[in-house]
Amino acid sequence: MLVGIPSIRDDDRFRGYREDVIAHVEEALLGVDHEVLVTSPQSQQSWPGVVDACNLLIDKCVGEGFDYLWLVQGDVEVPPDAFERLYALDVDVAQGVVPRHNDREALICGFMDESMTVWYLPRKTVEGQVLSGWVFAGLSCTLIKRRVLEAGIRFKYQPGIGEDILFLYDVQSRGFVAKVHGGVQCGHLPEWPLPVRCLDG
């Protein structure tokens, strides 16, 4: 499995979180054969750079024969059971959830429709639940099966629409199955780190 951490600069705020983010990934993947790749700086910045970084990770996953791509954003701490829970869903795209930077109770998670409108859900509705249908949970913690990527689905930049919304729309409109595991509650740095016990045991 390839763990991909998109990065567009070496001197942004994400650099300071890198060791911590990777430590949480490694804790979640004990006993699992994997490689972690943090992308090198991108020529484009902001969202176009994120799109390029994610597509670089996809190309490596497909080109080198990895069965899964686990995208973890550079400011996200995954819990120790994150991979186990996502993998157990056995769907094309399985997602964990993160809180918004400005409100721990507001998750980046909900349902979307065919017009790419997202209907966000409160934490109490999501916690402990597995959501199915046309779902959306950003891309902070997203496990993607190789067959999705082999179908040619890639990230796109389109002003006014998030690259994560476009990607999940393409996945689901092509007939692939996505689910959100509300039990995979990730930390979102710097405001909402996971409890220290997640690494200390």
Protein backbone atom coordinates (compact mmCIF):
# COMPACT_ATOMS: atom_id res chain seq x y z
CA MET A 1 0.00 0.00 0.00
CA LEU A 2 1.12 3.54 -0.74
CA VAL A 3 0.48 6.24 1.84
CA GLY A 4 0.47 9.58 0.09
CA ILE A 5 0.91 12.90 1.88
CA PRO A 6 0.46 15.76 -0.59
CA SER A 7 2.89 18.64 -0.09
CA ILE A 8 3.39 21.73 -2.22
CA ARG A 9 6.10 23.60 -0.27
CA ASP A 10 8.90 22.77 2.14
CA ASP A 11 8.43 25.90 4.23
CA ASP A 12 4.70 25.99 4.95
CA ARG A 13 2.92 25.20 8.23
CA PHE A 14 2.51 21.53 7.25
CA ARG A 15 6.26 20.96 7.46
CA GLY A 16 6.13 21.40 11.20
CA TYR A 17 3.52 18.65 11.56
CA ARG A 18 5.20 16.09 9.32
CA GLU A 19 6.92 13.87 11.88
CA ASP A 20 3.76 13.75 13.99
CA VAL A 21 1.50 12.96 11.03
CA ILE A 22 3.79 10.18 9.83
CA ALA A 23 4.11 8.76 13.36
CA HIS A 24 0.33 8.39 13.53
CA VAL A 25 0.27 6.72 10.11
CA GLU A 26 2.97 4.26 11.15
CA GLU A 27 1.08 3.43 14.34
CA ALA A 28 -2.02 2.65 12.29
CA LEU A 29 -0.06 0.43 9.88
CA LEU A 30 1.88 -1.82 12.24
CA GLY A 31 2.29 -5.15 10.47
CA VAL A 32 1.05 -3.79 7.13
CA ASP A 33 3.43 -3.65 4.16
CA HIS A 34 3.49 -0.03 3.02
CA GLU A 35 5.49 2.90 1.74
CA VAL A 36 5.01 6.53 2.77
CA LEU A 37 5.60 9.26 0.21
CA VAL A 38 5.52 12.97 0.93
CA THR A 39 5.46 14.72 -2.43
CA SER A 40 8.24 17.10 -3.34
CA PRO A 41 7.52 20.84 -3.73
CA GLN A 42 5.18 21.61 -6.61
CA SER A 43 5.67 24.25 -9.28
CA GLN A 44 2.14 25.52 -8.73
CA GLN A 45 0.91 26.73 -5.36
CA SER A 46 -2.43 26.68 -3.56
CA TRP A 47 -5.12 24.36 -4.92
CA PRO A 48 -3.56 23.75 -8.35
CA GLY A 49 -0.46 22.54 -6.53
CA VAL A 50 -2.53 20.22 -4.33
CA VAL A 51 -4.14 18.74 -7.45
CA ASP A 52 -0.73 18.15 -9.04
CA ALA A 53 0.62 16.55 -5.86
CA CYS A 54 -2.36 14.20 -5.55
CA ASN A 55 -2.09 13.16 -9.18
CA LEU A 56 1.62 12.45 -8.72
CA LEU A 57 0.68 10.08 -5.90
CA ILE A 58 -1.92 8.40 -8.09
CA ASP A 59 0.61 7.89 -10.88
CA LYS A 60 3.05 6.28 -8.46
CA CYS A 61 0.35 4.02 -7.03
CA VAL A 62 -0.75 2.78 -10.44
CA GLY A 63 2.71 2.72 -12.02
CA GLU A 64 4.34 0.74 -9.23
CA GLY A 65 1.53 -1.72 -8.60
CA PHE A 66 0.26 -0.70 -5.18
CA ASP A 67 -3.17 -2.14 -4.34
CA TYR A 68 -4.28 0.92 -2.37
CA LEU A 69 -3.55 4.61 -2.09
CA TRP A 70 -4.17 6.03 1.37
CA LEU A 71 -4.27 9.82 1.13
CA VAL A 72 -3.54 11.57 4.41
CA GLN A 73 -3.36 15.34 4.45
CA GLY A 74 -0.33 17.02 5.95
CA ASP A 75 -2.20 18.41 8.97
CA VAL A 76 -4.18 15.27 9.86
CA GLU A 77 -3.52 12.75 12.63
CA VAL A 78 -5.12 9.37 11.98
CA PRO A 79 -6.20 7.22 14.96
CA PRO A 80 -4.50 3.85 15.55
CA ASP A 81 -7.43 1.85 14.16
CA ALA A 82 -7.99 4.08 11.13
CA PHE A 83 -6.61 1.76 8.47
CA GLU A 84 -8.18 -1.34 10.00
CA ARG A 85 -11.63 0.24 10.01
CA LEU A 86 -11.40 1.73 6.53
CA TYR A 87 -9.99 -1.45 5.01
CA ALA A 88 -12.75 -3.52 6.63
CA LEU A 89 -15.40 -1.52 4.75
CA ASP A 90 -14.09 -3.17 1.54
CA VAL A 91 -15.36 -0.44 -0.77
CA ASP A 92 -13.72 1.47 -3.59
CA VAL A 93 -13.22 4.62 -1.52
CA ALA A 94 -13.37 4.63 2.30
CA GLN A 95 -13.04 7.85 4.27
CA GLY A 96 -12.47 8.98 7.82
CA VAL A 97 -13.61 12.36 9.08
CA VAL A 98 -12.00 15.51 10.46
CA PRO A 99 -13.40 18.57 12.23
CA ARG A 100 -13.18 21.97 10.64
CA HIS A 101 -10.35 24.17 11.85
CA ASN A 102 -12.73 26.69 13.39
CA ASP A 103 -15.27 24.35 15.00
CA ARG A 104 -14.63 20.88 16.44
CA GLU A 105 -18.33 20.00 16.26
CA ALA A 106 -18.55 20.82 12.55
CA LEU A 107 -17.17 17.93 10.51
CA ILE A 108 -16.06 18.01 6.88
CA CYS A 109 -18.57 15.28 6.11
CA GLY A 110 -21.98 14.86 4.57
CA PHE A 111 -23.92 13.78 1.53
CA MET A 112 -23.61 15.21 -1.96
CA ASP A 113 -25.96 15.28 -4.90
CA GLU A 114 -25.43 15.10 -8.64
CA SER A 115 -25.12 18.88 -8.86
CA MET A 116 -22.09 18.60 -6.50
CA THR A 117 -23.92 20.33 -3.65
CA VAL A 118 -22.74 18.99 -0.27
CA TRP A 119 -25.13 18.73 2.67
CA TYR A 120 -22.95 18.73 5.78
CA LEU A 121 -23.83 16.75 8.89
CA PRO A 122 -23.22 17.54 12.58
CA ARG A 123 -20.77 15.43 14.58
CA LYS A 124 -23.49 13.76 16.65
CA THR A 125 -25.11 12.42 13.46
CA VAL A 126 -21.87 10.98 12.10
CA GLU A 127 -20.04 9.57 15.13
CA GLY A 128 -19.95 5.79 15.11
CA GLN A 129 -21.99 5.51 11.92
CA VAL A 130 -21.05 4.22 8.47
CA LEU A 131 -22.49 6.50 5.81
CA SER A 132 -23.26 5.21 2.34
CA GLY A 133 -24.87 6.65 -0.76
CA TRP A 134 -23.44 9.76 -2.38
CA VAL A 135 -21.07 10.62 0.47
CA PHE A 136 -18.37 13.22 1.00
CA ALA A 137 -15.73 13.68 3.69
CA GLY A 138 -13.07 15.82 2.06
CA LEU A 139 -9.82 13.97 1.39
CA SER A 140 -8.08 14.22 4.75
CA CYS A 141 -8.11 10.46 5.35
CA THR A 142 -9.12 8.55 2.22
CA LEU A 143 -8.35 4.95 1.28
CA ILE A 144 -8.69 4.32 -2.46
CA LYS A 145 -8.60 0.98 -4.25
CA ARG A 146 -6.29 0.69 -7.21
CA ARG A 147 -9.15 -0.12 -9.61
CA VAL A 148 -10.58 3.37 -9.13
CA LEU A 149 -7.30 4.92 -10.24
CA GLU A 150 -6.82 2.47 -13.09
CA ALA A 151 -10.17 3.70 -14.43
CA GLY A 152 -8.48 7.02 -15.12
CA ILE A 153 -10.05 9.08 -12.35
CA ARG A 154 -7.76 11.96 -11.43
CA PHE A 155 -7.87 15.18 -9.47
CA LYS A 156 -8.93 18.31 -11.32
CA TYR A 157 -8.69 22.00 -10.61
CA GLN A 158 -11.81 24.01 -11.31
CA PRO A 159 -12.16 27.47 -9.74
CA GLY A 160 -15.09 27.64 -7.35
CA ILE A 161 -15.33 23.88 -6.71
CA GLY A 162 -13.07 21.99 -4.33
CA GLU A 163 -10.80 19.36 -5.83
CA ASP A 164 -12.10 16.95 -3.19
CA ILE A 165 -15.72 17.49 -4.26
CA LEU A 166 -14.78 16.99 -7.91
CA PHE A 167 -12.90 13.79 -7.13
CA LEU A 168 -15.67 12.22 -5.04
CA TYR A 169 -18.24 13.24 -7.65
CA ASP A 170 -16.24 11.56 -10.41
CA VAL A 171 -15.76 8.43 -8.30
CA GLN A 172 -19.44 8.01 -7.53
CA SER A 173 -20.81 9.12 -10.89
CA ARG A 174 -18.67 6.40 -12.49
CA GLY A 175 -20.39 3.79 -10.35
CA PHE A 176 -17.70 3.23 -7.74
CA VAL A 177 -18.82 2.82 -4.14
CA ALA A 178 -17.73 5.22 -1.40
CA LYS A 179 -18.47 5.09 2.31
CA VAL A 180 -17.59 7.27 5.28
CA HIS A 181 -16.68 5.64 8.59
CA GLY A 182 -17.83 7.93 11.37
CA GLY A 183 -15.78 5.91 13.84
CA VAL A 184 -12.55 7.08 12.22
CA GLN A 185 -12.31 10.48 13.89
CA CYS A 186 -9.03 12.13 12.91
CA GLY A 187 -7.18 15.00 14.49
CA HIS A 188 -6.89 18.27 12.55
CA LEU A 189 -3.83 20.34 13.39
CA PRO A 190 -3.11 22.64 15.00
CA GLU A 191 -6.47 23.17 16.70
CA TRP A 192 -7.71 19.62 17.27
CA PRO A 193 -4.91 17.07 17.85
CA LEU A 194 -5.77 13.55 18.89
CA PRO A 195 -5.29 12.71 22.56
CA VAL A 196 -1.68 11.86 23.34
CA ARG A 197 -2.77 8.39 24.49
CA CYS A 198 -3.38 7.46 20.83
CA LEU A 199 0.37 7.10 20.42
CA ASP A 200 1.33 6.27 23.99
CA GLY A 201 -1.17 3.42 24.32
